[in-house]
């Protein structure tokens, strides 16, 4: 299969991914796999996401990619971080002698990685991460490979952003469900305290809160234990 056919196949697969609602890590893993096929010269690809201002390699097509990325994060320099900061493609064909990253470059070279192509993942006015492509050979990425990488990065950024939104929505839904469950449990516990002591609703809530503070336990956990204890007692009386 020719380079153009490889690229078209990978791009078609990526386009199909835009229409799915898969988990974040599944989406990123597939994007990385498609990128290895789409970008000539690639020996490994990783996807870095920016979470709370910090980079994190979420998926990597092969283990050495994760190792190289971790070196960048530790030294706070390298093509991935530069691509995110500048919002521009970063390319290097001889990392061992790269003056832009004097600490990272030699270390990458000693790991047997000599070429890097880092592509920022841009969605409207924000950077969601970077697509990092590495090769063992020097000067592995031609101008054509860079162009194909940039073309691939555009829909890849959309796929990643969509997956992030889905993951965030699922987290918020889970948090809301948990909050509603906790509220119901606390209300039950208040009712139990009221029935046992004749206290008002506010007084019963204060009892639970004081127990929470005294025992250094979350209020919801105090309430849940009280409700579970009341249920056990009720079963034993049957």
Foldseek 3Di string as FASTA:
>chain_A
DDLVVLQVVLLVVLVVLLPDQDALLVLQQSLQVSLCSNFFLFPKKWWWFQDPNATDTSDIPDDVVNVLVVLCRVLVDDQFNVCQVVVAKDKFQALCPDPRCVVSSVVCVVVQWGIKIKHFQDDVHHTGGIMITIHNHGPRGDPVSNVSSNVSSDSSSSSNVSNVVSVVVVVVVVVVVVVVVLVVLLQVQLVVQCVVPVDDSVVSSVVLVVVCVVVVHDSSVSSNVSVVVVVVVVVVVD
